[in-house]
Amino acid sequence: MGELFTMKFADFKGDEWKITKGPPAILQCLKDSSMIEIMDIDDKIHKMTFQQGGKILIEKIEDKYRFYWNDDDLI
């Protein structure tokens, strides 16, 4: 299980991802090899590529967002 904390939301293509309201909110990958970029709280950019059906769960915790996912969903 991967996890990142960020102060910002993620950058993703709307035709490759679908978001559902939660809590937690869920980003679901609609296409194979879809990339997402997340900047963590230390301003480091993390680029991850997901397979179709992969999910990222998002929780808002105070002034931060917690992103977490199953590593098996990564390509």
N, C-alpha and C. Protein backbone atom coordinates (compact mmCIF):
# COMPACT_ATOMS: atom_id res chain seq x y z
N MET A 1 0.87 -1.17 0.00
CA MET A 1 0.00 0.00 0.00
C MET A 1 0.90 1.23 0.00
N GLY A 2 0.72 2.08 -1.00
CA GLY A 2 1.46 3.33 -1.07
C GLY A 2 0.68 4.46 -0.43
N GLU A 3 1.40 5.49 0.00
CA GLU A 3 0.75 6.61 0.68
C GLU A 3 1.57 7.89 0.49
N LEU A 4 0.87 8.99 0.26
CA LEU A 4 1.49 10.32 0.17
C LEU A 4 0.60 11.33 0.87
N PHE A 5 1.22 12.35 1.45
CA PHE A 5 0.48 13.48 2.00
C PHE A 5 0.82 14.71 1.16
N THR A 6 -0.18 15.52 0.86
CA THR A 6 0.01 16.70 0.04
C THR A 6 -0.87 17.84 0.53
N MET A 7 -0.47 19.05 0.20
CA MET A 7 -1.28 20.22 0.52
C MET A 7 -2.17 20.57 -0.66
N LYS A 8 -1.87 19.99 -1.83
CA LYS A 8 -2.60 20.29 -3.05
C LYS A 8 -3.27 19.03 -3.56
N PHE A 9 -4.23 19.23 -4.45
CA PHE A 9 -4.85 18.08 -5.07
C PHE A 9 -3.94 17.58 -6.18
N ALA A 10 -4.29 16.59 -6.91
CA ALA A 10 -3.45 15.97 -7.93
C ALA A 10 -3.75 16.54 -9.31
N ASP A 11 -2.81 16.35 -10.22
CA ASP A 11 -2.98 16.75 -11.62
C ASP A 11 -3.25 15.47 -12.42
N PHE A 12 -4.43 15.40 -13.02
CA PHE A 12 -4.79 14.20 -13.78
C PHE A 12 -5.68 14.59 -14.95
N LYS A 13 -5.67 13.76 -15.99
CA LYS A 13 -6.50 13.99 -17.18
C LYS A 13 -7.90 13.48 -16.92
N GLY A 14 -8.89 14.33 -17.19
CA GLY A 14 -10.29 13.98 -16.93
C GLY A 14 -10.81 12.82 -17.74
N ASP A 15 -10.22 12.58 -18.93
CA ASP A 15 -10.70 11.45 -19.74
C ASP A 15 -10.04 10.14 -19.35
N GLU A 16 -9.07 10.18 -18.43
CA GLU A 16 -8.39 8.97 -17.99
C GLU A 16 -8.75 8.57 -16.56
N TRP A 17 -9.41 9.47 -15.84
CA TRP A 17 -9.73 9.24 -14.44
C TRP A 17 -11.16 9.65 -14.14
N LYS A 18 -11.80 8.93 -13.23
CA LYS A 18 -13.14 9.27 -12.77
C LYS A 18 -13.06 9.45 -11.26
N ILE A 19 -13.65 10.52 -10.74
CA ILE A 19 -13.63 10.76 -9.29
C ILE A 19 -15.03 10.55 -8.74
N THR A 20 -15.10 9.85 -7.60
CA THR A 20 -16.36 9.66 -6.91
C THR A 20 -16.25 10.32 -5.54
N LYS A 21 -17.36 10.85 -5.08
CA LYS A 21 -17.35 11.52 -3.78
C LYS A 21 -17.41 10.49 -2.68
N GLY A 22 -16.77 10.80 -1.59
CA GLY A 22 -16.67 9.87 -0.47
C GLY A 22 -17.40 10.39 0.74
N PRO A 23 -16.88 10.24 1.89
CA PRO A 23 -15.47 9.98 2.14
C PRO A 23 -15.14 8.49 2.14
N PRO A 24 -13.95 8.07 1.77
CA PRO A 24 -12.98 8.91 1.08
C PRO A 24 -13.35 9.07 -0.40
N ALA A 25 -12.88 10.15 -1.01
CA ALA A 25 -13.05 10.31 -2.46
C ALA A 25 -12.17 9.25 -3.12
N ILE A 26 -12.61 8.76 -4.28
CA ILE A 26 -11.86 7.73 -5.00
C ILE A 26 -11.63 8.18 -6.43
N LEU A 27 -10.37 8.15 -6.85
CA LEU A 27 -10.01 8.35 -8.25
C LEU A 27 -9.84 6.96 -8.85
N GLN A 28 -10.60 6.67 -9.91
CA GLN A 28 -10.48 5.37 -10.56
C GLN A 28 -9.93 5.56 -11.96
N CYS A 29 -8.93 4.77 -12.31
CA CYS A 29 -8.27 4.84 -13.60
C CYS A 29 -9.16 4.19 -14.67
N LEU A 30 -9.43 4.93 -15.76
CA LEU A 30 -10.30 4.44 -16.82
C LEU A 30 -9.55 3.80 -17.98
N LYS A 31 -8.23 4.05 -18.09
CA LYS A 31 -7.42 3.54 -19.20
C LYS A 31 -6.11 2.98 -18.66
N ASP A 32 -5.59 1.96 -19.33
CA ASP A 32 -4.26 1.46 -18.98
C ASP A 32 -3.21 2.54 -19.21
N SER A 33 -2.17 2.50 -18.42
CA SER A 33 -1.01 3.40 -18.53
C SER A 33 -1.37 4.86 -18.33
N SER A 34 -2.30 5.14 -17.44
CA SER A 34 -2.67 6.52 -17.11
C SER A 34 -1.76 7.02 -16.00
N MET A 35 -1.18 8.20 -16.24
CA MET A 35 -0.24 8.77 -15.27
C MET A 35 -0.91 9.85 -14.43
N ILE A 36 -0.47 9.94 -13.21
CA ILE A 36 -0.94 10.98 -12.30
C ILE A 36 0.30 11.57 -11.62
N GLU A 37 0.27 12.88 -11.38
CA GLU A 37 1.35 13.55 -10.68
C GLU A 37 0.82 14.11 -9.37
N ILE A 38 1.53 13.81 -8.30
CA ILE A 38 1.16 14.31 -6.97
C ILE A 38 2.38 14.97 -6.36
N MET A 39 2.22 16.20 -5.88
CA MET A 39 3.30 16.91 -5.20
C MET A 39 3.10 16.74 -3.69
N ASP A 40 4.09 16.13 -3.03
CA ASP A 40 3.95 15.87 -1.60
C ASP A 40 4.18 17.13 -0.77
N ILE A 41 4.09 17.01 0.54
CA ILE A 41 4.20 18.18 1.41
C ILE A 41 5.60 18.79 1.42
N ASP A 42 6.58 18.06 0.87
CA ASP A 42 7.95 18.59 0.74
C ASP A 42 8.21 19.12 -0.67
N ASP A 43 7.14 19.30 -1.46
CA ASP A 43 7.20 19.80 -2.84
C ASP A 43 7.93 18.86 -3.80
N LYS A 44 8.02 17.59 -3.48
CA LYS A 44 8.59 16.59 -4.38
C LYS A 44 7.47 16.04 -5.25
N ILE A 45 7.70 15.98 -6.57
CA ILE A 45 6.68 15.48 -7.49
C ILE A 45 6.83 13.97 -7.65
N HIS A 46 5.73 13.27 -7.49
CA HIS A 46 5.68 11.82 -7.66
C HIS A 46 4.82 11.53 -8.88
N LYS A 47 5.41 10.86 -9.88
CA LYS A 47 4.67 10.47 -11.08
C LYS A 47 4.44 8.97 -11.00
N MET A 48 3.17 8.60 -11.11
CA MET A 48 2.82 7.19 -11.01
C MET A 48 1.93 6.81 -12.19
N THR A 49 2.12 5.60 -12.70
CA THR A 49 1.34 5.11 -13.82
C THR A 49 0.49 3.93 -13.33
N PHE A 50 -0.81 4.00 -13.60
CA PHE A 50 -1.75 3.00 -13.12
C PHE A 50 -2.33 2.19 -14.27
N GLN A 51 -2.75 0.97 -13.95
CA GLN A 51 -3.47 0.15 -14.91
C GLN A 51 -4.96 0.45 -14.82
N GLN A 52 -5.71 0.08 -15.85
CA GLN A 52 -7.15 0.32 -15.87
C GLN A 52 -7.80 -0.34 -14.66
N GLY A 53 -8.70 0.39 -14.01
CA GLY A 53 -9.39 -0.12 -12.83
C GLY A 53 -8.67 0.21 -11.52
N GLY A 54 -7.43 0.68 -11.61
CA GLY A 54 -6.69 1.05 -10.40
C GLY A 54 -7.36 2.21 -9.68
N LYS A 55 -7.19 2.28 -8.38
CA LYS A 55 -7.86 3.30 -7.58
C LYS A 55 -6.88 4.01 -6.65
N ILE A 56 -7.14 5.30 -6.46
CA ILE A 56 -6.44 6.09 -5.45
C ILE A 56 -7.51 6.63 -4.51
N LEU A 57 -7.36 6.39 -3.24
CA LEU A 57 -8.29 6.90 -2.25
C LEU A 57 -7.73 8.20 -1.68
N ILE A 58 -8.61 9.17 -1.46
CA ILE A 58 -8.19 10.50 -1.01
C ILE A 58 -9.00 10.91 0.22
N GLU A 59 -8.30 11.23 1.28
CA GLU A 59 -8.93 11.71 2.51
C GLU A 59 -8.39 13.09 2.83
N LYS A 60 -9.26 13.98 3.26
CA LYS A 60 -8.81 15.30 3.72
C LYS A 60 -8.63 15.21 5.23
N ILE A 61 -7.42 15.52 5.66
CA ILE A 61 -7.08 15.48 7.09
C ILE A 61 -6.57 16.86 7.46
N GLU A 62 -7.39 17.61 8.17
CA GLU A 62 -7.11 19.00 8.54
C GLU A 62 -6.80 19.80 7.28
N ASP A 63 -5.57 20.29 7.12
CA ASP A 63 -5.25 21.11 5.95
C ASP A 63 -4.46 20.33 4.89
N LYS A 64 -4.42 18.99 4.99
CA LYS A 64 -3.68 18.15 4.06
C LYS A 64 -4.62 17.13 3.42
N TYR A 65 -4.14 16.56 2.30
CA TYR A 65 -4.80 15.43 1.67
C TYR A 65 -3.92 14.21 1.83
N ARG A 66 -4.54 13.07 2.12
CA ARG A 66 -3.83 11.79 2.18
C ARG A 66 -4.26 10.99 0.96
N PHE A 67 -3.30 10.64 0.11
CA PHE A 67 -3.55 9.79 -1.05
C PHE A 67 -2.98 8.41 -0.73
N TYR A 68 -3.76 7.36 -0.96
CA TYR A 68 -3.23 6.02 -0.76
C TYR A 68 -3.82 5.07 -1.80
N TRP A 69 -3.05 4.03 -2.13
CA TRP A 69 -3.39 3.14 -3.23
C TRP A 69 -2.76 1.77 -2.98
N ASN A 70 -3.23 0.79 -3.74
CA ASN A 70 -2.67 -0.56 -3.72
C ASN A 70 -1.53 -0.58 -4.74
N ASP A 71 -0.34 -0.97 -4.34
CA ASP A 71 0.81 -1.01 -5.25
C ASP A 71 0.60 -1.95 -6.43
N ASP A 72 -0.28 -2.92 -6.28
CA ASP A 72 -0.57 -3.84 -7.40
C ASP A 72 -1.26 -3.14 -8.56
N ASP A 73 -1.84 -1.95 -8.33
CA ASP A 73 -2.50 -1.19 -9.38
C ASP A 73 -1.52 -0.38 -10.23
N LEU A 74 -0.26 -0.30 -9.80
CA LEU A 74 0.75 0.46 -10.55
C LEU A 74 1.33 -0.39 -11.68
N ILE A 75 1.76 0.32 -12.73
CA ILE A 75 2.44 -0.37 -13.85
C ILE A 75 3.92 -0.04 -13.73
